[in-house]
Amino acid sequence: MRRALLAVSGLITLTLIGIWATQDPASNRQRAMDGALQKEKASLLASLTKAARNYYSNYGKLPTNARDLGKYTPVPGCANGSHEMCLNSAPTDYANKPIKEWFSTCGYYRILMKTDNNTVNFFAKPLNEGIGRGVSSCFNHSTNILKIRDMTKRGSSVIAADCTSE
């Protein structure tokens, strides 16, 4: 019985490998890269959004820039929007800078912070239409909701996460 199960699972694995191998390898690599970049940015925005919530808890107001967030989390970035230059330089720490926009450490994304009366929104927008999918996040102090939204299509068009209701 055990040998039969191993044989069947082996056949299934070989079938899946065969199907995968017939697909365009370049598009598979691109999808994998897009997904990895997006997850990395989602993790960054989650950290920034939690820092915004902590800032509000301690100060009773929403953060307005990277310096406010830097009290609770690192705010890493790159000095310019070039992937090649970012690979060859140390990350820039924006935790002490009163800025609302910076480039990601990989150089593929622009990170934006927008604050209004009740909500702080973060956006990770790909700089190149052909590389990466965007991410947005928000924290609303009135509803105490924190959300992250992954975009499903490549490009710099990033729709804001909605923190007005669950």
C-alpha atoms as a PDB file:
ATOM      1  CA  MET A   1       0.000   0.000   0.000  1.00  0.00           C
ATOM      2  CA  ARG A   2       2.773   2.401   0.948  1.00  0.00           C
ATOM      3  CA  ARG A   3       4.675   1.693  -2.287  1.00  0.00           C
ATOM      4  CA  ALA A   4       1.527   2.326  -4.297  1.00  0.00           C
ATOM      5  CA  LEU A   5       1.030   5.705  -2.600  1.00  0.00           C
ATOM      6  CA  LEU A   6       4.659   6.624  -3.234  1.00  0.00           C
ATOM      7  CA  ALA A   7       4.310   5.616  -6.876  1.00  0.00           C
ATOM      8  CA  VAL A   8       1.129   7.668  -7.293  1.00  0.00           C
ATOM      9  CA  SER A   9       2.632  10.719  -5.584  1.00  0.00           C
ATOM     10  CA  GLY A  10       5.722  10.341  -7.792  1.00  0.00           C
ATOM     11  CA  LEU A  11       3.546  10.275 -10.915  1.00  0.00           C
ATOM     12  CA  ILE A  12       1.645  13.335  -9.770  1.00  0.00           C
ATOM     13  CA  THR A  13       4.912  15.157  -9.098  1.00  0.00           C
ATOM     14  CA  LEU A  14       6.285  14.229 -12.527  1.00  0.00           C
ATOM     15  CA  THR A  15       3.043  15.343 -14.180  1.00  0.00           C
ATOM     16  CA  LEU A  16       3.160  18.708 -12.404  1.00  0.00           C
ATOM     17  CA  ILE A  17       6.821  19.179 -13.328  1.00  0.00           C
ATOM     18  CA  GLY A  18       5.960  18.347 -16.934  1.00  0.00           C
ATOM     19  CA  ILE A  19       3.139  20.868 -17.013  1.00  0.00           C
ATOM     20  CA  TRP A  20       5.321  23.522 -15.420  1.00  0.00           C
ATOM     21  CA  ALA A  21       8.192  22.816 -17.815  1.00  0.00           C
ATOM     22  CA  THR A  22       5.958  23.371 -20.867  1.00  0.00           C
ATOM     23  CA  GLN A  23       5.077  26.853 -19.688  1.00  0.00           C
ATOM     24  CA  ASP A  24       7.225  29.818 -20.592  1.00  0.00           C
ATOM     25  CA  PRO A  25      10.145  29.785 -18.114  1.00  0.00           C
ATOM     26  CA  ALA A  26      10.659  33.543 -18.426  1.00  0.00           C
ATOM     27  CA  SER A  27       7.065  34.275 -17.401  1.00  0.00           C
ATOM     28  CA  ASN A  28       7.375  31.836 -14.484  1.00  0.00           C
ATOM     29  CA  ARG A  29      10.497  33.649 -13.285  1.00  0.00           C
ATOM     30  CA  GLN A  30       8.752  37.013 -13.697  1.00  0.00           C
ATOM     31  CA  ARG A  31       5.708  35.844 -11.716  1.00  0.00           C
ATOM     32  CA  ALA A  32       7.974  34.494  -8.979  1.00  0.00           C
ATOM     33  CA  MET A  33       9.931  37.760  -8.865  1.00  0.00           C
ATOM     34  CA  ASP A  34       6.729  39.836  -8.819  1.00  0.00           C
ATOM     35  CA  GLY A  35       5.362  37.742  -5.964  1.00  0.00           C
ATOM     36  CA  ALA A  36       8.569  37.942  -3.946  1.00  0.00           C
ATOM     37  CA  LEU A  37       8.845  41.704  -4.396  1.00  0.00           C
ATOM     38  CA  GLN A  38       5.191  42.162  -3.476  1.00  0.00           C
ATOM     39  CA  LYS A  39       5.493  40.054  -0.299  1.00  0.00           C
ATOM     40  CA  GLU A  40       8.583  42.012   0.704  1.00  0.00           C
ATOM     41  CA  LYS A  41       6.712  45.300   0.272  1.00  0.00           C
ATOM     42  CA  ALA A  42       3.625  43.950   2.066  1.00  0.00           C
ATOM     43  CA  SER A  43       5.862  43.104   5.023  1.00  0.00           C
ATOM     44  CA  LEU A  44       7.377  46.601   4.981  1.00  0.00           C
ATOM     45  CA  LEU A  45       3.942  48.270   4.809  1.00  0.00           C
ATOM     46  CA  ALA A  46       2.660  46.039   7.632  1.00  0.00           C
ATOM     47  CA  SER A  47       5.541  47.232   9.791  1.00  0.00           C
ATOM     48  CA  LEU A  48       4.930  50.888   8.898  1.00  0.00           C
ATOM     49  CA  THR A  49       1.185  50.559   9.500  1.00  0.00           C
ATOM     50  CA  LYS A  50       1.704  48.952  12.912  1.00  0.00           C
ATOM     51  CA  ALA A  51       4.136  51.742  13.759  1.00  0.00           C
ATOM     52  CA  ALA A  52       1.419  54.256  12.793  1.00  0.00           C
ATOM     53  CA  ARG A  53      -1.024  52.512  15.147  1.00  0.00           C
ATOM     54  CA  ASN A  54       1.555  52.559  17.966  1.00  0.00           C
ATOM     55  CA  TYR A  55       2.292  56.233  17.321  1.00  0.00           C
ATOM     56  CA  TYR A  56      -1.419  57.030  17.556  1.00  0.00           C
ATOM     57  CA  SER A  57      -1.734  55.018  20.782  1.00  0.00           C
ATOM     58  CA  ASN A  58       1.041  57.024  22.416  1.00  0.00           C
ATOM     59  CA  TYR A  59       0.507  60.510  20.975  1.00  0.00           C
ATOM     60  CA  GLY A  60      -3.237  60.623  20.242  1.00  0.00           C
ATOM     61  CA  LYS A  61      -2.631  61.751  16.673  1.00  0.00           C
ATOM     62  CA  LEU A  62      -1.669  60.071  13.430  1.00  0.00           C
ATOM     63  CA  PRO A  63       1.932  60.146  12.240  1.00  0.00           C
ATOM     64  CA  THR A  64       2.644  62.492   9.360  1.00  0.00           C
ATOM     65  CA  ASN A  65       6.128  61.434   8.201  1.00  0.00           C
ATOM     66  CA  ALA A  66       8.935  58.887   8.404  1.00  0.00           C
ATOM     67  CA  ARG A  67      10.384  60.527  11.516  1.00  0.00           C
ATOM     68  CA  ASP A  68       7.161  59.802  13.431  1.00  0.00           C
ATOM     69  CA  LEU A  69       7.234  56.169  12.262  1.00  0.00           C
ATOM     70  CA  GLY A  70      10.915  55.874  13.098  1.00  0.00           C
ATOM     71  CA  LYS A  71      10.071  56.034  16.794  1.00  0.00           C
ATOM     72  CA  TYR A  72       8.578  52.533  16.451  1.00  0.00           C
ATOM     73  CA  THR A  73      10.184  50.823  13.464  1.00  0.00           C
ATOM     74  CA  PRO A  74      13.120  51.174  11.096  1.00  0.00           C
ATOM     75  CA  VAL A  75      12.295  53.093   7.910  1.00  0.00           C
ATOM     76  CA  PRO A  76      14.755  51.690   5.370  1.00  0.00           C
ATOM     77  CA  GLY A  77      15.072  52.901   1.812  1.00  0.00           C
ATOM     78  CA  CYS A  78      17.390  53.742  -1.025  1.00  0.00           C
ATOM     79  CA  ALA A  79      18.664  57.185  -1.926  1.00  0.00           C
ATOM     80  CA  ASN A  80      17.459  56.825  -5.525  1.00  0.00           C
ATOM     81  CA  GLY A  81      15.066  54.800  -7.664  1.00  0.00           C
ATOM     82  CA  SER A  82      17.652  52.732  -9.506  1.00  0.00           C
ATOM     83  CA  HIS A  83      17.797  49.008  -8.764  1.00  0.00           C
ATOM     84  CA  GLU A  84      21.439  48.788  -9.854  1.00  0.00           C
ATOM     85  CA  MET A  85      22.518  51.688  -7.631  1.00  0.00           C
ATOM     86  CA  CYS A  86      20.511  50.380  -4.678  1.00  0.00           C
ATOM     87  CA  LEU A  87      22.187  46.961  -4.971  1.00  0.00           C
ATOM     88  CA  ASN A  88      25.598  48.602  -4.698  1.00  0.00           C
ATOM     89  CA  SER A  89      24.900  50.944  -1.806  1.00  0.00           C
ATOM     90  CA  ALA A  90      23.981  50.600   1.841  1.00  0.00           C
ATOM     91  CA  PRO A  91      20.316  51.197   2.709  1.00  0.00           C
ATOM     92  CA  THR A  92      19.386  54.693   3.803  1.00  0.00           C
ATOM     93  CA  ASP A  93      17.704  55.070   7.195  1.00  0.00           C
ATOM     94  CA  TYR A  94      14.809  57.515   6.927  1.00  0.00           C
ATOM     95  CA  ALA A  95      13.695  57.103  10.561  1.00  0.00           C
ATOM     96  CA  ASN A  96      14.917  60.612  11.448  1.00  0.00           C
ATOM     97  CA  LYS A  97      13.768  62.417   8.317  1.00  0.00           C
ATOM     98  CA  PRO A  98      10.489  64.364   7.993  1.00  0.00           C
ATOM     99  CA  ILE A  99       9.673  62.873   4.572  1.00  0.00           C
ATOM    100  CA  LYS A 100       6.493  61.261   3.227  1.00  0.00           C
ATOM    101  CA  GLU A 101       7.991  59.584   0.166  1.00  0.00           C
ATOM    102  CA  TRP A 102      11.090  57.462  -0.446  1.00  0.00           C
ATOM    103  CA  PHE A 103      12.417  54.603  -2.587  1.00  0.00           C
ATOM    104  CA  SER A 104      12.448  51.005  -1.372  1.00  0.00           C
ATOM    105  CA  THR A 105      15.751  49.335  -0.559  1.00  0.00           C
ATOM    106  CA  CYS A 106      15.585  47.297  -3.788  1.00  0.00           C
ATOM    107  CA  GLY A 107      15.012  50.409  -5.920  1.00  0.00           C
ATOM    108  CA  TYR A 108      11.967  48.961  -7.676  1.00  0.00           C
ATOM    109  CA  TYR A 109       9.271  50.749  -5.598  1.00  0.00           C
ATOM    110  CA  ARG A 110       8.314  54.209  -4.406  1.00  0.00           C
ATOM    111  CA  ILE A 111       6.915  54.215  -0.856  1.00  0.00           C
ATOM    112  CA  LEU A 112       4.329  56.929  -0.134  1.00  0.00           C
ATOM    113  CA  MET A 113       2.648  57.968   3.096  1.00  0.00           C
ATOM    114  CA  LYS A 114      -0.614  59.960   3.165  1.00  0.00           C
ATOM    115  CA  THR A 115      -2.400  61.107   6.313  1.00  0.00           C
ATOM    116  CA  ASP A 116      -5.903  62.569   6.537  1.00  0.00           C
ATOM    117  CA  ASN A 117      -8.248  63.205   9.479  1.00  0.00           C
ATOM    118  CA  ASN A 118      -8.825  59.576  10.515  1.00  0.00           C
ATOM    119  CA  THR A 119      -6.521  57.460   8.382  1.00  0.00           C
ATOM    120  CA  VAL A 120      -2.907  57.002   7.436  1.00  0.00           C
ATOM    121  CA  ASN A 121      -2.336  55.225   4.107  1.00  0.00           C
ATOM    122  CA  PHE A 122       0.837  53.685   2.753  1.00  0.00           C
ATOM    123  CA  PHE A 123       1.502  52.776  -0.868  1.00  0.00           C
ATOM    124  CA  ALA A 124       4.280  50.718  -2.434  1.00  0.00           C
ATOM    125  CA  LYS A 125       4.147  51.626  -6.127  1.00  0.00           C
ATOM    126  CA  PRO A 126       6.347  49.881  -8.691  1.00  0.00           C
ATOM    127  CA  LEU A 127       8.544  52.344 -10.579  1.00  0.00           C
ATOM    128  CA  ASN A 128       8.570  50.213 -13.717  1.00  0.00           C
ATOM    129  CA  GLU A 129       5.287  49.026 -15.265  1.00  0.00           C
ATOM    130  CA  GLY A 130       6.907  45.694 -16.160  1.00  0.00           C
ATOM    131  CA  ILE A 131       8.241  44.816 -12.704  1.00  0.00           C
ATOM    132  CA  GLY A 132       6.178  44.132  -9.627  1.00  0.00           C
ATOM    133  CA  ARG A 133       2.668  44.515  -8.280  1.00  0.00           C
ATOM    134  CA  GLY A 134       1.777  47.242  -5.820  1.00  0.00           C
ATOM    135  CA  VAL A 135       0.635  47.083  -2.222  1.00  0.00           C
ATOM    136  CA  SER A 136      -1.327  49.483  -0.041  1.00  0.00           C
ATOM    137  CA  SER A 137      -2.093  49.546   3.650  1.00  0.00           C
ATOM    138  CA  CYS A 138      -4.013  51.713   6.079  1.00  0.00           C
ATOM    139  CA  PHE A 139      -4.753  52.375   9.731  1.00  0.00           C
ATOM    140  CA  ASN A 140      -7.944  54.198  10.766  1.00  0.00           C
ATOM    141  CA  HIS A 141      -7.907  55.405  14.371  1.00  0.00           C
ATOM    142  CA  SER A 142     -11.708  55.834  14.482  1.00  0.00           C
ATOM    143  CA  THR A 143     -12.426  52.219  13.556  1.00  0.00           C
ATOM    144  CA  ASN A 144      -9.105  50.829  14.881  1.00  0.00           C
ATOM    145  CA  ILE A 145      -8.831  48.888  11.614  1.00  0.00           C
ATOM    146  CA  LEU A 146      -5.513  48.034  10.016  1.00  0.00           C
ATOM    147  CA  LYS A 147      -5.501  46.470   6.505  1.00  0.00           C
ATOM    148  CA  ILE A 148      -3.101  45.481   3.754  1.00  0.00           C
ATOM    149  CA  ARG A 149      -4.173  45.154   0.123  1.00  0.00           C
ATOM    150  CA  ASP A 150      -2.130  43.381  -2.558  1.00  0.00           C
ATOM    151  CA  MET A 151      -2.685  44.431  -6.167  1.00  0.00           C
ATOM    152  CA  THR A 152      -3.298  41.655  -8.667  1.00  0.00           C
ATOM    153  CA  LYS A 153      -1.897  43.392 -11.750  1.00  0.00           C
ATOM    154  CA  ARG A 154       1.515  44.801 -12.510  1.00  0.00           C
ATOM    155  CA  GLY A 155       2.013  48.527 -12.664  1.00  0.00           C
ATOM    156  CA  SER A 156       2.112  51.686 -10.621  1.00  0.00           C
ATOM    157  CA  SER A 157      -1.673  51.967 -10.250  1.00  0.00           C
ATOM    158  CA  VAL A 158      -2.256  51.114  -6.598  1.00  0.00           C
ATOM    159  CA  ILE A 159      -5.717  51.282  -5.029  1.00  0.00           C
ATOM    160  CA  ALA A 160      -5.855  52.396  -1.393  1.00  0.00           C
ATOM    161  CA  ALA A 161      -6.764  49.822   1.227  1.00  0.00           C
ATOM    162  CA  ASP A 162     -10.109  50.676   2.872  1.00  0.00           C
ATOM    163  CA  CYS A 163     -10.041  50.944   6.643  1.00  0.00           C
ATOM    164  CA  THR A 164     -13.508  52.407   7.134  1.00  0.00           C
ATOM    165  CA  SER A 165     -15.086  49.014   7.894  1.00  0.00           C
ATOM    166  CA  GLU A 166     -14.197  45.339   8.255  1.00  0.00           C
END
